[in-house]
Amino acid sequence: LKLTNESCCFFNAASVTESLCVEGDEACPDRSIYAYYDGLHLTEKLYMHLSAKAYSSDLQTEAYPFNVEVLANLDISLMLTGAPSFHTHDQ
C-alpha cells in the first residue's frame, strides 16, 4: 500500500452520507496501492493485510487474546469434557 491518506475515487468528504464515490467519476486504475476505495470502504488489499494479521499475528496489539489460527486449532472436545452441568433433575 502506497497511498493511505487518499481514496481510490473522489467522494464528498464534507458529508458522511455522501462518502461513496461520486457517480460518473472513474476509480483509480490500480486499487492495490490504495488503502481506501472511497470514504467508507477499505480496498481488498487492505482487507487481505488485516485478515492475515488477525489470523497469524503473535502481537497482542493486533490479535488479543488469541489470533484466529490459535482459535481454529483449539481442541474443543477438551473444553466440553468435565464442563459443569446447569441442568437440574426435579423428578
C-alpha atoms as a PDB file:
ATOM      1  CA  LEU A   1       0.000   0.000   0.000  1.00  0.00           C
ATOM      2  CA  LYS A   2       1.466   3.276  -1.096  1.00  0.00           C
ATOM      3  CA  LEU A   3      -1.464   5.649  -0.617  1.00  0.00           C
ATOM      4  CA  THR A   4      -3.000   5.520   2.857  1.00  0.00           C
ATOM      5  CA  ASN A   5      -4.348   9.079   3.068  1.00  0.00           C
ATOM      6  CA  GLU A   6      -6.248   9.121  -0.227  1.00  0.00           C
ATOM      7  CA  SER A   7      -9.144   7.170  -1.649  1.00  0.00           C
ATOM      8  CA  CYS A   8      -9.264   5.394  -4.975  1.00  0.00           C
ATOM      9  CA  CYS A   9     -12.118   7.609  -6.148  1.00  0.00           C
ATOM     10  CA  PHE A  10     -13.376  11.100  -5.457  1.00  0.00           C
ATOM     11  CA  PHE A  11     -16.078  11.474  -2.795  1.00  0.00           C
ATOM     12  CA  ASN A  12     -17.640  14.349  -0.864  1.00  0.00           C
ATOM     13  CA  ALA A  13     -15.681  14.384   2.411  1.00  0.00           C
ATOM     14  CA  ALA A  14     -17.993  17.024   3.890  1.00  0.00           C
ATOM     15  CA  SER A  15     -20.870  14.564   4.266  1.00  0.00           C
ATOM     16  CA  VAL A  16     -20.807  11.116   5.856  1.00  0.00           C
ATOM     17  CA  THR A  17     -23.910  10.164   3.854  1.00  0.00           C
ATOM     18  CA  GLU A  18     -22.064  11.028   0.644  1.00  0.00           C
ATOM     19  CA  SER A  19     -18.881   9.082   1.359  1.00  0.00           C
ATOM     20  CA  LEU A  20     -19.319   6.854  -1.677  1.00  0.00           C
ATOM     21  CA  CYS A  21     -17.626   7.528  -4.989  1.00  0.00           C
ATOM     22  CA  VAL A  22     -19.115  10.401  -6.968  1.00  0.00           C
ATOM     23  CA  GLU A  23     -21.343   8.980  -9.704  1.00  0.00           C
ATOM     24  CA  GLY A  24     -19.709   9.191 -13.121  1.00  0.00           C
ATOM     25  CA  ASP A  25     -16.207   9.669 -11.732  1.00  0.00           C
ATOM     26  CA  GLU A  26     -13.716   6.970 -12.664  1.00  0.00           C
ATOM     27  CA  ALA A  27     -11.993   4.978  -9.963  1.00  0.00           C
ATOM     28  CA  CYS A  28      -8.228   4.669  -9.908  1.00  0.00           C
ATOM     29  CA  PRO A  29      -6.647   2.227 -12.351  1.00  0.00           C
ATOM     30  CA  ASP A  30      -4.585   0.422  -9.668  1.00  0.00           C
ATOM     31  CA  ARG A  31      -6.587  -0.193  -6.492  1.00  0.00           C
ATOM     32  CA  SER A  32      -3.814  -2.302  -4.962  1.00  0.00           C
ATOM     33  CA  ILE A  33      -1.816   0.776  -3.925  1.00  0.00           C
ATOM     34  CA  TYR A  34      -4.723   2.399  -2.041  1.00  0.00           C
ATOM     35  CA  ALA A  35      -5.906   1.634   1.494  1.00  0.00           C
ATOM     36  CA  TYR A  36      -9.368   3.128   0.892  1.00  0.00           C
ATOM     37  CA  TYR A  37     -11.678   2.708  -2.065  1.00  0.00           C
ATOM     38  CA  ASP A  38     -13.988   5.554  -1.034  1.00  0.00           C
ATOM     39  CA  GLY A  39     -14.858   7.313   2.210  1.00  0.00           C
ATOM     40  CA  LEU A  40     -16.388   4.182   3.777  1.00  0.00           C
ATOM     41  CA  HIS A  41     -14.791   1.094   2.282  1.00  0.00           C
ATOM     42  CA  LEU A  42     -11.330  -0.381   2.512  1.00  0.00           C
ATOM     43  CA  THR A  43      -9.688  -1.897  -0.565  1.00  0.00           C
ATOM     44  CA  GLU A  44      -9.279  -5.643  -0.989  1.00  0.00           C
ATOM     45  CA  LYS A  45      -5.517  -5.216  -0.499  1.00  0.00           C
ATOM     46  CA  LEU A  46      -6.003  -3.674   2.964  1.00  0.00           C
ATOM     47  CA  TYR A  47      -8.647  -6.270   3.923  1.00  0.00           C
ATOM     48  CA  MET A  48      -6.179  -9.032   2.982  1.00  0.00           C
ATOM     49  CA  HIS A  49      -3.448  -7.383   5.054  1.00  0.00           C
ATOM     50  CA  LEU A  50      -5.687  -7.000   8.121  1.00  0.00           C
ATOM     51  CA  SER A  51      -7.102 -10.516   7.860  1.00  0.00           C
ATOM     52  CA  ALA A  52      -3.600 -12.030   7.591  1.00  0.00           C
ATOM     53  CA  LYS A  53      -2.613 -10.211  10.772  1.00  0.00           C
ATOM     54  CA  ALA A  54      -5.766 -11.320  12.593  1.00  0.00           C
ATOM     55  CA  TYR A  55      -5.122 -14.910  11.524  1.00  0.00           C
ATOM     56  CA  SER A  56      -1.463 -15.326  12.418  1.00  0.00           C
ATOM     57  CA  SER A  57      -0.096 -12.366  14.377  1.00  0.00           C
ATOM     58  CA  ASP A  58       1.517 -13.009  17.747  1.00  0.00           C
ATOM     59  CA  LEU A  59       1.347  -9.334  18.724  1.00  0.00           C
ATOM     60  CA  GLN A  60      -1.270  -8.568  21.374  1.00  0.00           C
ATOM     61  CA  THR A  61      -1.845  -5.170  19.755  1.00  0.00           C
ATOM     62  CA  GLU A  62      -3.067  -6.955  16.600  1.00  0.00           C
ATOM     63  CA  ALA A  63      -4.864 -10.051  17.873  1.00  0.00           C
ATOM     64  CA  TYR A  64      -5.803 -10.430  21.528  1.00  0.00           C
ATOM     65  CA  PRO A  65      -6.070 -12.650  23.462  1.00  0.00           C
ATOM     66  CA  PHE A  66      -5.587 -15.165  20.622  1.00  0.00           C
ATOM     67  CA  ASN A  67      -5.185 -14.957  16.888  1.00  0.00           C
ATOM     68  CA  VAL A  68      -7.656 -16.766  14.635  1.00  0.00           C
ATOM     69  CA  GLU A  69      -5.196 -19.578  13.868  1.00  0.00           C
ATOM     70  CA  VAL A  70      -4.958 -20.491  17.571  1.00  0.00           C
ATOM     71  CA  LEU A  71      -8.734 -20.403  17.919  1.00  0.00           C
ATOM     72  CA  ALA A  72      -9.224 -22.521  14.790  1.00  0.00           C
ATOM     73  CA  ASN A  73      -6.865 -25.169  16.143  1.00  0.00           C
ATOM     74  CA  LEU A  74      -8.376 -25.472  19.618  1.00  0.00           C
ATOM     75  CA  ASP A  75      -9.404 -28.974  20.607  1.00  0.00           C
ATOM     76  CA  ILE A  76     -12.995 -28.230  21.516  1.00  0.00           C
ATOM     77  CA  SER A  77     -13.541 -31.723  22.935  1.00  0.00           C
ATOM     78  CA  LEU A  78     -11.240 -30.814  25.832  1.00  0.00           C
ATOM     79  CA  MET A  79     -13.424 -27.837  26.580  1.00  0.00           C
ATOM     80  CA  LEU A  80     -16.592 -29.932  26.635  1.00  0.00           C
ATOM     81  CA  THR A  81     -15.389 -32.750  28.898  1.00  0.00           C
ATOM     82  CA  GLY A  82     -15.862 -32.084  32.545  1.00  0.00           C
ATOM     83  CA  ALA A  83     -17.892 -28.965  31.923  1.00  0.00           C
ATOM     84  CA  PRO A  84     -20.356 -28.310  34.729  1.00  0.00           C
ATOM     85  CA  SER A  85     -23.940 -29.120  34.010  1.00  0.00           C
ATOM     86  CA  PHE A  86     -26.535 -26.475  34.766  1.00  0.00           C
ATOM     87  CA  HIS A  87     -29.483 -28.797  34.266  1.00  0.00           C
ATOM     88  CA  THR A  88     -31.464 -29.820  37.314  1.00  0.00           C
ATOM     89  CA  HIS A  89     -33.330 -33.066  37.596  1.00  0.00           C
ATOM     90  CA  ASP A  90     -36.501 -32.478  39.623  1.00  0.00           C
ATOM     91  CA  GLN A  91     -38.296 -35.799  39.309  1.00  0.00           C
END
